[in-house]
């Protein structure tokens, strides 16, 4: 009989469940950046040129397990955008503005 994936996850230790969630978040971010690049009509080669690096270096960046905020800022700026970070708390939101040009 087939088992539900949720049942397997629920049996895991909380720490392992959190590691799985963290890994999924990283993968979703990576997919979103690649999709964003494509949506903006940019190839890896074009983006690399804008960022002053090789296409292979950019490819490695897009496939990293974890990415520095400074790297994310560079990618977003190369696409013509600005990174806006918002810290959400139960009672309010705070815009972190240290990433502005």
PDB file of N, CA and C in Angstrom:
ATOM      1  N   UNK A   1       0.837  -1.187   0.000  1.00  0.00           N
ATOM      2  CA  UNK A   1       0.000   0.000   0.000  1.00  0.00           C
ATOM      3  C   UNK A   1       0.884   1.254   0.000  1.00  0.00           C
ATOM      4  N   UNK A   2       0.537   2.210  -0.801  1.00  0.00           N
ATOM      5  CA  UNK A   2       1.293   3.454  -0.894  1.00  0.00           C
ATOM      6  C   UNK A   2       1.113   4.293   0.365  1.00  0.00           C
ATOM      7  N   UNK A   3       2.225   4.936   0.763  1.00  0.00           N
ATOM      8  CA  UNK A   3       2.165   5.811   1.931  1.00  0.00           C
ATOM      9  C   UNK A   3       2.174   7.258   1.479  1.00  0.00           C
ATOM     10  N   UNK A   4       1.529   8.117   2.239  1.00  0.00           N
ATOM     11  CA  UNK A   4       1.504   9.536   1.921  1.00  0.00           C
ATOM     12  C   UNK A   4       2.837  10.164   2.316  1.00  0.00           C
ATOM     13  N   UNK A   5       3.314  11.063   1.488  1.00  0.00           N
ATOM     14  CA  UNK A   5       4.570  11.755   1.756  1.00  0.00           C
ATOM     15  C   UNK A   5       4.489  12.513   3.081  1.00  0.00           C
ATOM     16  N   UNK A   6       3.346  13.121   3.337  1.00  0.00           N
ATOM     17  CA  UNK A   6       3.161  13.881   4.578  1.00  0.00           C
ATOM     18  C   UNK A   6       3.371  12.985   5.799  1.00  0.00           C
ATOM     19  N   UNK A   7       2.923  11.728   5.723  1.00  0.00           N
ATOM     20  CA  UNK A   7       3.109  10.797   6.836  1.00  0.00           C
ATOM     21  C   UNK A   7       4.593  10.523   7.079  1.00  0.00           C
ATOM     22  N   UNK A   8       5.367  10.428   6.001  1.00  0.00           N
ATOM     23  CA  UNK A   8       6.812  10.207   6.137  1.00  0.00           C
ATOM     24  C   UNK A   8       7.493  11.401   6.791  1.00  0.00           C
ATOM     25  N   UNK A   9       7.120  12.586   6.347  1.00  0.00           N
ATOM     26  CA  UNK A   9       7.699  13.818   6.911  1.00  0.00           C
ATOM     27  C   UNK A   9       7.348  13.941   8.389  1.00  0.00           C
ATOM     28  N   UNK A  10       6.100  13.679   8.729  1.00  0.00           N
ATOM     29  CA  UNK A  10       5.659  13.815  10.117  1.00  0.00           C
ATOM     30  C   UNK A  10       6.412  12.898  11.073  1.00  0.00           C
ATOM     31  N   UNK A  11       6.934  11.796  10.572  1.00  0.00           N
ATOM     32  CA  UNK A  11       7.674  10.853  11.423  1.00  0.00           C
ATOM     33  C   UNK A  11       9.132  11.277  11.632  1.00  0.00           C
ATOM     34  N   UNK A  12       9.601  12.266  10.877  1.00  0.00           N
ATOM     35  CA  UNK A  12      10.988  12.718  10.992  1.00  0.00           C
ATOM     36  C   UNK A  12      11.158  13.634  12.193  1.00  0.00           C
ATOM     37  N   UNK A  13      12.387  13.695  12.684  1.00  0.00           N
ATOM     38  CA  UNK A  13      12.717  14.614  13.784  1.00  0.00           C
ATOM     39  C   UNK A  13      12.476  16.053  13.326  1.00  0.00           C
ATOM     40  N   UNK A  14      12.079  16.929  14.234  1.00  0.00           N
ATOM     41  CA  UNK A  14      11.831  18.335  13.865  1.00  0.00           C
ATOM     42  C   UNK A  14      13.024  19.000  13.181  1.00  0.00           C
ATOM     43  N   UNK A  15      14.249  18.662  13.619  1.00  0.00           N
ATOM     44  CA  UNK A  15      15.440  19.254  13.013  1.00  0.00           C
ATOM     45  C   UNK A  15      15.553  18.845  11.543  1.00  0.00           C
ATOM     46  N   UNK A  16      15.281  17.598  11.260  1.00  0.00           N
ATOM     47  CA  UNK A  16      15.341  17.118   9.875  1.00  0.00           C
ATOM     48  C   UNK A  16      14.242  17.768   9.038  1.00  0.00           C
ATOM     49  N   UNK A  17      13.052  17.921   9.611  1.00  0.00           N
ATOM     50  CA  UNK A  17      11.960  18.589   8.895  1.00  0.00           C
ATOM     51  C   UNK A  17      12.376  20.019   8.534  1.00  0.00           C
ATOM     52  N   UNK A  18      13.045  20.709   9.473  1.00  0.00           N
ATOM     53  CA  UNK A  18      13.473  22.086   9.218  1.00  0.00           C
ATOM     54  C   UNK A  18      14.538  22.126   8.129  1.00  0.00           C
ATOM     55  N   UNK A  19      15.473  21.179   8.145  1.00  0.00           N
ATOM     56  CA  UNK A  19      16.498  21.121   7.095  1.00  0.00           C
ATOM     57  C   UNK A  19      15.856  20.911   5.726  1.00  0.00           C
ATOM     58  N   UNK A  20      14.829  20.088   5.672  1.00  0.00           N
ATOM     59  CA  UNK A  20      14.120  19.851   4.410  1.00  0.00           C
ATOM     60  C   UNK A  20      13.431  21.131   3.944  1.00  0.00           C
ATOM     61  N   UNK A  21      12.779  21.837   4.868  1.00  0.00           N
ATOM     62  CA  UNK A  21      12.115  23.098   4.510  1.00  0.00           C
ATOM     63  C   UNK A  21      13.138  24.130   4.027  1.00  0.00           C
ATOM     64  N   UNK A  22      14.277  24.213   4.731  1.00  0.00           N
ATOM     65  CA  UNK A  22      15.319  25.167   4.336  1.00  0.00           C
ATOM     66  C   UNK A  22      15.842  24.852   2.942  1.00  0.00           C
ATOM     67  N   UNK A  23      16.079  23.586   2.663  1.00  0.00           N
ATOM     68  CA  UNK A  23      16.579  23.162   1.351  1.00  0.00           C
ATOM     69  C   UNK A  23      15.555  23.480   0.257  1.00  0.00           C
ATOM     70  N   UNK A  24      14.290  23.232   0.551  1.00  0.00           N
ATOM     71  CA  UNK A  24      13.226  23.529  -0.416  1.00  0.00           C
ATOM     72  C   UNK A  24      13.172  25.029  -0.698  1.00  0.00           C
ATOM     73  N   UNK A  25      13.315  25.848   0.344  1.00  0.00           N
ATOM     74  CA  UNK A  25      13.309  27.301   0.156  1.00  0.00           C
ATOM     75  C   UNK A  25      14.452  27.742  -0.753  1.00  0.00           C
ATOM     76  N   UNK A  26      15.628  27.144  -0.561  1.00  0.00           N
ATOM     77  CA  UNK A  26      16.782  27.474  -1.404  1.00  0.00           C
ATOM     78  C   UNK A  26      16.506  27.094  -2.855  1.00  0.00           C
ATOM     79  N   UNK A  27      15.954  25.914  -3.065  1.00  0.00           N
ATOM     80  CA  UNK A  27      15.659  25.469  -4.428  1.00  0.00           C
ATOM     81  C   UNK A  27      14.618  26.351  -5.089  1.00  0.00           C
ATOM     82  N   UNK A  28      13.608  26.761  -4.334  1.00  0.00           N
ATOM     83  CA  UNK A  28      12.572  27.651  -4.876  1.00  0.00           C
ATOM     84  C   UNK A  28      13.185  28.992  -5.242  1.00  0.00           C
ATOM     85  N   UNK A  29      14.075  29.518  -4.388  1.00  0.00           N
ATOM     86  CA  UNK A  29      14.746  30.777  -4.689  1.00  0.00           C
ATOM     87  C   UNK A  29      15.560  30.661  -5.959  1.00  0.00           C
ATOM     88  N   UNK A  30      16.318  29.580  -6.072  1.00  0.00           N
ATOM     89  CA  UNK A  30      17.151  29.391  -7.253  1.00  0.00           C
ATOM     90  C   UNK A  30      16.290  29.316  -8.500  1.00  0.00           C
ATOM     91  N   UNK A  31      15.210  28.578  -8.454  1.00  0.00           N
ATOM     92  CA  UNK A  31      14.333  28.486  -9.615  1.00  0.00           C
ATOM     93  C   UNK A  31      13.743  29.846  -9.929  1.00  0.00           C
ATOM     94  N   UNK A  32      13.386  30.592  -8.912  1.00  0.00           N
ATOM     95  CA  UNK A  32      12.788  31.899  -9.135  1.00  0.00           C
ATOM     96  C   UNK A  32      13.784  32.849  -9.792  1.00  0.00           C
ATOM     97  N   UNK A  33      15.048  32.812  -9.387  1.00  0.00           N
ATOM     98  CA  UNK A  33      16.048  33.684 -10.010  1.00  0.00           C
ATOM     99  C   UNK A  33      16.267  33.325 -11.468  1.00  0.00           C
ATOM    100  N   UNK A  34      16.338  32.048 -11.766  1.00  0.00           N
ATOM    101  CA  UNK A  34      16.496  31.634 -13.154  1.00  0.00           C
ATOM    102  C   UNK A  34      15.275  32.050 -13.970  1.00  0.00           C
ATOM    103  N   UNK A  35      14.097  31.855 -13.407  1.00  0.00           N
ATOM    104  CA  UNK A  35      12.873  32.259 -14.103  1.00  0.00           C
ATOM    105  C   UNK A  35      12.828  33.772 -14.287  1.00  0.00           C
ATOM    106  N   UNK A  36      13.258  34.513 -13.263  1.00  0.00           N
ATOM    107  CA  UNK A  36      13.273  35.966 -13.361  1.00  0.00           C
ATOM    108  C   UNK A  36      14.219  36.424 -14.464  1.00  0.00           C
ATOM    109  N   UNK A  37      15.401  35.826 -14.522  1.00  0.00           N
ATOM    110  CA  UNK A  37      16.353  36.162 -15.571  1.00  0.00           C
ATOM    111  C   UNK A  37      15.747  35.919 -16.951  1.00  0.00           C
ATOM    112  N   UNK A  38      15.106  34.766 -17.096  1.00  0.00           N
ATOM    113  CA  UNK A  38      14.491  34.427 -18.387  1.00  0.00           C
ATOM    114  C   UNK A  38      13.327  35.361 -18.708  1.00  0.00           C
ATOM    115  N   UNK A  39      12.541  35.682 -17.679  1.00  0.00           N
ATOM    116  CA  UNK A  39      11.399  36.593 -17.881  1.00  0.00           C
ATOM    117  C   UNK A  39      11.860  37.965 -18.349  1.00  0.00           C
ATOM    118  N   UNK A  40      13.024  38.390 -17.868  1.00  0.00           N
ATOM    119  CA  UNK A  40      13.579  39.684 -18.275  1.00  0.00           C
ATOM    120  C   UNK A  40      14.297  39.596 -19.620  1.00  0.00           C
ATOM    121  N   UNK A  41      14.258  38.398 -20.229  1.00  0.00           N
ATOM    122  CA  UNK A  41      14.824  38.229 -21.559  1.00  0.00           C
ATOM    123  C   UNK A  41      16.339  38.195 -21.588  1.00  0.00           C
ATOM    124  N   UNK A  42      16.952  37.783 -20.498  1.00  0.00           N
ATOM    125  CA  UNK A  42      18.406  37.749 -20.419  1.00  0.00           C
ATOM    126  C   UNK A  42      18.908  36.305 -20.406  1.00  0.00           C
ATOM    127  N   UNK A  43      19.966  36.061 -21.147  1.00  0.00           N
ATOM    128  CA  UNK A  43      20.641  34.772 -21.094  1.00  0.00           C
ATOM    129  C   UNK A  43      21.704  34.842 -20.001  1.00  0.00           C
ATOM    130  N   UNK A  44      22.252  33.693 -19.642  1.00  0.00           N
ATOM    131  CA  UNK A  44      23.347  33.700 -18.681  1.00  0.00           C
ATOM    132  C   UNK A  44      24.524  34.490 -19.230  1.00  0.00           C
ATOM    133  N   UNK A  45      24.780  34.358 -20.504  1.00  0.00           N
ATOM    134  CA  UNK A  45      25.897  35.069 -21.133  1.00  0.00           C
ATOM    135  C   UNK A  45      25.700  36.584 -21.028  1.00  0.00           C
ATOM    136  N   UNK A  46      24.497  37.055 -21.304  1.00  0.00           N
ATOM    137  CA  UNK A  46      24.216  38.493 -21.209  1.00  0.00           C
ATOM    138  C   UNK A  46      24.347  38.985 -19.770  1.00  0.00           C
ATOM    139  N   UNK A  47      23.807  38.213 -18.836  1.00  0.00           N
ATOM    140  CA  UNK A  47      23.881  38.597 -17.422  1.00  0.00           C
ATOM    141  C   UNK A  47      25.332  38.634 -16.954  1.00  0.00           C
ATOM    142  N   UNK A  48      26.102  37.639 -17.342  1.00  0.00           N
ATOM    143  CA  UNK A  48      27.507  37.573 -16.939  1.00  0.00           C
ATOM    144  C   UNK A  48      28.258  38.807 -17.432  1.00  0.00           C
ATOM    145  N   UNK A  49      27.989  39.204 -18.662  1.00  0.00           N
ATOM    146  CA  UNK A  49      28.640  40.390 -19.222  1.00  0.00           C
ATOM    147  C   UNK A  49      28.263  41.636 -18.417  1.00  0.00           C
ATOM    148  N   UNK A  50      26.990  41.771 -18.079  1.00  0.00           N
ATOM    149  CA  UNK A  50      26.540  42.908 -17.270  1.00  0.00           C
ATOM    150  C   UNK A  50      27.198  42.928 -15.895  1.00  0.00           C
ATOM    151  N   UNK A  51      27.472  41.746 -15.364  1.00  0.00           N
ATOM    152  CA  UNK A  51      28.047  41.624 -14.025  1.00  0.00           C
ATOM    153  C   UNK A  51      29.570  41.564 -14.045  1.00  0.00           C
ATOM    154  N   UNK A  52      30.169  41.572 -15.241  1.00  0.00           N
ATOM    155  CA  UNK A  52      31.614  41.546 -15.350  1.00  0.00           C
ATOM    156  C   UNK A  52      32.237  40.226 -14.934  1.00  0.00           C
ATOM    157  N   UNK A  53      31.606  39.130 -15.326  1.00  0.00           N
ATOM    158  CA  UNK A  53      32.125  37.798 -14.987  1.00  0.00           C
ATOM    159  C   UNK A  53      31.884  36.858 -16.141  1.00  0.00           C
ATOM    160  N   UNK A  54      32.385  35.650 -16.014  1.00  0.00           N
ATOM    161  CA  UNK A  54      32.173  34.654 -17.064  1.00  0.00           C
ATOM    162  C   UNK A  54      30.799  34.007 -16.910  1.00  0.00           C
ATOM    163  N   UNK A  55      30.329  33.442 -18.013  1.00  0.00           N
ATOM    164  CA  UNK A  55      29.041  32.736 -17.978  1.00  0.00           C
ATOM    165  C   UNK A  55      29.117  31.551 -17.035  1.00  0.00           C
ATOM    166  N   UNK A  56      30.245  30.859 -17.006  1.00  0.00           N
ATOM    167  CA  UNK A  56      30.369  29.692 -16.127  1.00  0.00           C
ATOM    168  C   UNK A  56      30.334  30.103 -14.652  1.00  0.00           C
ATOM    169  N   UNK A  57      30.910  31.274 -14.328  1.00  0.00           N
ATOM    170  CA  UNK A  57      30.857  31.761 -12.942  1.00  0.00           C
ATOM    171  C   UNK A  57      29.414  32.093 -12.543  1.00  0.00           C
ATOM    172  N   UNK A  58      28.671  32.706 -13.460  1.00  0.00           N
ATOM    173  CA  UNK A  58      27.273  33.007 -13.175  1.00  0.00           C
ATOM    174  C   UNK A  58      26.469  31.726 -13.010  1.00  0.00           C
ATOM    175  N   UNK A  59      26.735  30.749 -13.843  1.00  0.00           N
ATOM    176  CA  UNK A  59      26.039  29.473 -13.726  1.00  0.00           C
ATOM    177  C   UNK A  59      26.280  28.845 -12.360  1.00  0.00           C
ATOM    178  N   UNK A  60      27.516  28.898 -11.901  1.00  0.00           N
ATOM    179  CA  UNK A  60      27.833  28.370 -10.564  1.00  0.00           C
ATOM    180  C   UNK A  60      27.057  29.126  -9.488  1.00  0.00           C
ATOM    181  N   UNK A  61      26.967  30.445  -9.631  1.00  0.00           N
ATOM    182  CA  UNK A  61      26.227  31.256  -8.663  1.00  0.00           C
ATOM    183  C   UNK A  61      24.760  30.836  -8.630  1.00  0.00           C
ATOM    184  N   UNK A  62      24.188  30.621  -9.808  1.00  0.00           N
ATOM    185  CA  UNK A  62      22.767  30.252  -9.869  1.00  0.00           C
ATOM    186  C   UNK A  62      22.510  28.870  -9.276  1.00  0.00           C
ATOM    187  N   UNK A  63      23.536  28.050  -9.184  1.00  0.00           N
ATOM    188  CA  UNK A  63      23.348  26.691  -8.687  1.00  0.00           C
ATOM    189  C   UNK A  63      23.922  26.474  -7.289  1.00  0.00           C
ATOM    190  N   UNK A  64      24.273  27.553  -6.601  1.00  0.00           N
ATOM    191  CA  UNK A  64      24.796  27.431  -5.244  1.00  0.00           C
ATOM    192  C   UNK A  64      23.716  26.942  -4.290  1.00  0.00           C
ATOM    193  N   UNK A  65      24.147  26.220  -3.267  1.00  0.00           N
ATOM    194  CA  UNK A  65      23.227  25.769  -2.227  1.00  0.00           C
ATOM    195  C   UNK A  65      22.745  26.952  -1.395  1.00  0.00           C
ATOM    196  N   UNK A  66      23.627  27.917  -1.204  1.00  0.00           N
ATOM    197  CA  UNK A  66      23.322  29.072  -0.367  1.00  0.00           C
ATOM    198  C   UNK A  66      23.945  30.282  -1.063  1.00  0.00           C
ATOM    199  N   UNK A  67      23.287  31.422  -0.987  1.00  0.00           N
ATOM    200  CA  UNK A  67      23.765  32.587  -1.702  1.00  0.00           C
ATOM    201  C   UNK A  67      23.905  33.766  -0.744  1.00  0.00           C
ATOM    202  N   UNK A  68      24.999  34.496  -0.875  1.00  0.00           N
ATOM    203  CA  UNK A  68      25.192  35.701  -0.079  1.00  0.00           C
ATOM    204  C   UNK A  68      24.219  36.776  -0.557  1.00  0.00           C
ATOM    205  N   UNK A  69      23.818  37.633   0.370  1.00  0.00           N
ATOM    206  CA  UNK A  69      22.932  38.732  -0.008  1.00  0.00           C
ATOM    207  C   UNK A  69      23.597  39.646  -1.029  1.00  0.00           C
ATOM    208  N   UNK A  70      24.891  39.859  -0.892  1.00  0.00           N
ATOM    209  CA  UNK A  70      25.591  40.730  -1.842  1.00  0.00           C
ATOM    210  C   UNK A  70      25.520  40.159  -3.260  1.00  0.00           C
ATOM    211  N   UNK A  71      25.552  38.835  -3.374  1.00  0.00           N
ATOM    212  CA  UNK A  71      25.422  38.194  -4.682  1.00  0.00           C
ATOM    213  C   UNK A  71      24.023  38.401  -5.232  1.00  0.00           C
ATOM    214  N   UNK A  72      23.029  38.222  -4.393  1.00  0.00           N
ATOM    215  CA  UNK A  72      21.640  38.435  -4.810  1.00  0.00           C
ATOM    216  C   UNK A  72      21.428  39.883  -5.241  1.00  0.00           C
ATOM    217  N   UNK A  73      21.999  40.824  -4.506  1.00  0.00           N
ATOM    218  CA  UNK A  73      21.896  42.244  -4.873  1.00  0.00           C
ATOM    219  C   UNK A  73      22.484  42.467  -6.259  1.00  0.00           C
ATOM    220  N   UNK A  74      23.656  41.887  -6.533  1.00  0.00           N
ATOM    221  CA  UNK A  74      24.297  42.042  -7.849  1.00  0.00           C
ATOM    222  C   UNK A  74      23.427  41.489  -8.967  1.00  0.00           C
ATOM    223  N   UNK A  75      22.826  40.332  -8.744  1.00  0.00           N
ATOM    224  CA  UNK A  75      21.977  39.723  -9.775  1.00  0.00           C
ATOM    225  C   UNK A  75      20.756  40.590 -10.045  1.00  0.00           C
ATOM    226  N   UNK A  76      20.091  41.025  -8.999  1.00  0.00           N
ATOM    227  CA  UNK A  76      18.881  41.848  -9.153  1.00  0.00           C
ATOM    228  C   UNK A  76      19.219  43.167  -9.840  1.00  0.00           C
ATOM    229  N   UNK A  77      20.329  43.788  -9.455  1.00  0.00           N
ATOM    230  CA  UNK A  77      20.727  45.054 -10.092  1.00  0.00           C
ATOM    231  C   UNK A  77      21.078  44.854 -11.557  1.00  0.00           C
ATOM    232  N   UNK A  78      21.713  43.737 -11.884  1.00  0.00           N
ATOM    233  CA  UNK A  78      22.045  43.463 -13.289  1.00  0.00           C
ATOM    234  C   UNK A  78      20.785  43.305 -14.127  1.00  0.00           C
ATOM    235  N   UNK A  79      19.698  42.898 -13.492  1.00  0.00           N
ATOM    236  CA  UNK A  79      18.414  42.780 -14.189  1.00  0.00           C
ATOM    237  C   UNK A  79      17.660  44.107 -14.225  1.00  0.00           C
ATOM    238  N   UNK A  80      18.242  45.151 -13.597  1.00  0.00           N
ATOM    239  CA  UNK A  80      17.618  46.468 -13.606  1.00  0.00           C
ATOM    240  C   UNK A  80      16.742  46.740 -12.401  1.00  0.00           C
ATOM    241  N   UNK A  81      16.815  45.880 -11.388  1.00  0.00           N
ATOM    242  CA  UNK A  81      15.978  46.053 -10.202  1.00  0.00           C
ATOM    243  C   UNK A  81      16.773  46.415  -8.973  1.00  0.00           C
ATOM    244  N   UNK A  82      16.087  46.547  -7.882  1.00  0.00           N
ATOM    245  CA  UNK A  82      16.681  46.790  -6.571  1.00  0.00           C
ATOM    246  C   UNK A  82      16.124  45.762  -5.601  1.00  0.00           C
ATOM    247  N   UNK A  83      16.973  45.269  -4.723  1.00  0.00           N
ATOM    248  CA  UNK A  83      16.530  44.311  -3.718  1.00  0.00           C
ATOM    249  C   UNK A  83      15.879  45.066  -2.580  1.00  0.00           C
ATOM    250  N   UNK A  84      14.707  44.624  -2.190  1.00  0.00           N
ATOM    251  CA  UNK A  84      13.995  45.222  -1.061  1.00  0.00           C
ATOM    252  C   UNK A  84      13.747  44.105  -0.058  1.00  0.00           C
ATOM    253  N   UNK A  85      14.282  44.272   1.131  1.00  0.00           N
ATOM    254  CA  UNK A  85      14.126  43.248   2.150  1.00  0.00           C
ATOM    255  C   UNK A  85      13.191  43.766   3.238  1.00  0.00           C
ATOM    256  N   UNK A  86      12.228  42.927   3.581  1.00  0.00           N
ATOM    257  CA  UNK A  86      11.254  43.291   4.612  1.00  0.00           C
ATOM    258  C   UNK A  86      11.290  42.236   5.702  1.00  0.00           C
ATOM    259  N   UNK A  87      11.532  42.690   6.928  1.00  0.00           N
ATOM    260  CA  UNK A  87      11.483  41.794   8.087  1.00  0.00           C
ATOM    261  C   UNK A  87      10.063  41.847   8.635  1.00  0.00           C
ATOM    262  N   UNK A  88       9.414  40.692   8.714  1.00  0.00           N
ATOM    263  CA  UNK A  88       8.032  40.632   9.192  1.00  0.00           C
ATOM    264  C   UNK A  88       7.998  40.158  10.637  1.00  0.00           C
ATOM    265  N   UNK A  89       7.302  40.927  11.472  1.00  0.00           N
ATOM    266  CA  UNK A  89       7.093  40.594  12.870  1.00  0.00           C
ATOM    267  C   UNK A  89       5.594  40.487  13.109  1.00  0.00           C
ATOM    268  N   UNK A  90       5.183  39.859  14.188  1.00  0.00           N
ATOM    269  CA  UNK A  90       3.735  39.735  14.441  1.00  0.00           C
ATOM    270  C   UNK A  90       3.012  41.084  14.493  1.00  0.00           C
ATOM    271  N   UNK A  91       3.713  42.132  14.964  1.00  0.00           N
ATOM    272  CA  UNK A  91       3.036  43.414  15.128  1.00  0.00           C
ATOM    273  C   UNK A  91       3.388  44.467  14.080  1.00  0.00           C
ATOM    274  N   UNK A  92       4.402  44.203  13.236  1.00  0.00           N
ATOM    275  CA  UNK A  92       4.743  45.189  12.203  1.00  0.00           C
ATOM    276  C   UNK A  92       5.724  44.602  11.195  1.00  0.00           C
ATOM    277  N   UNK A  93       6.039  45.411  10.186  1.00  0.00           N
ATOM    278  CA  UNK A  93       7.043  45.074   9.183  1.00  0.00           C
ATOM    279  C   UNK A  93       8.081  46.180   9.169  1.00  0.00           C
ATOM    280  N   UNK A  94       9.333  45.800   8.956  1.00  0.00           N
ATOM    281  CA  UNK A  94      10.416  46.770   8.897  1.00  0.00           C
ATOM    282  C   UNK A  94      11.149  46.580   7.583  1.00  0.00           C
ATOM    283  N   UNK A  95      11.306  47.675   6.827  1.00  0.00           N
ATOM    284  CA  UNK A  95      12.064  47.628   5.581  1.00  0.00           C
ATOM    285  C   UNK A  95      13.535  47.828   5.926  1.00  0.00           C
ATOM    286  N   UNK A  96      14.355  46.874   5.513  1.00  0.00           N
ATOM    287  CA  UNK A  96      15.799  46.961   5.731  1.00  0.00           C
ATOM    288  C   UNK A  96      16.361  47.646   4.495  1.00  0.00           C
ATOM    289  N   UNK A  97      16.953  48.816   4.661  1.00  0.00           N
ATOM    290  CA  UNK A  97      17.305  49.621   3.489  1.00  0.00           C
ATOM    291  C   UNK A  97      18.799  49.716   3.222  1.00  0.00           C
ATOM    292  N   UNK A  98      19.611  48.858   3.788  1.00  0.00           N
ATOM    293  CA  UNK A  98      21.053  48.973   3.575  1.00  0.00           C
ATOM    294  C   UNK A  98      21.487  48.529   2.187  1.00  0.00           C
ATOM    295  N   UNK A  99      20.566  48.029   1.370  1.00  0.00           N
ATOM    296  CA  UNK A  99      20.919  47.537   0.042  1.00  0.00           C
ATOM    297  C   UNK A  99      20.691  48.576  -1.049  1.00  0.00           C
ATOM    298  N   UNK A 100      20.252  49.774  -0.682  1.00  0.00           N
ATOM    299  CA  UNK A 100      20.041  50.824  -1.678  1.00  0.00           C
ATOM    300  C   UNK A 100      21.374  51.302  -2.211  1.00  0.00           C
ATOM    301  N   UNK A 101      21.363  51.741  -3.477  1.00  0.00           N
ATOM    302  CA  UNK A 101      22.590  52.271  -4.110  1.00  0.00           C
ATOM    303  C   UNK A 101      23.049  53.511  -3.391  1.00  0.00           C
TER     304      UNK A 101
END
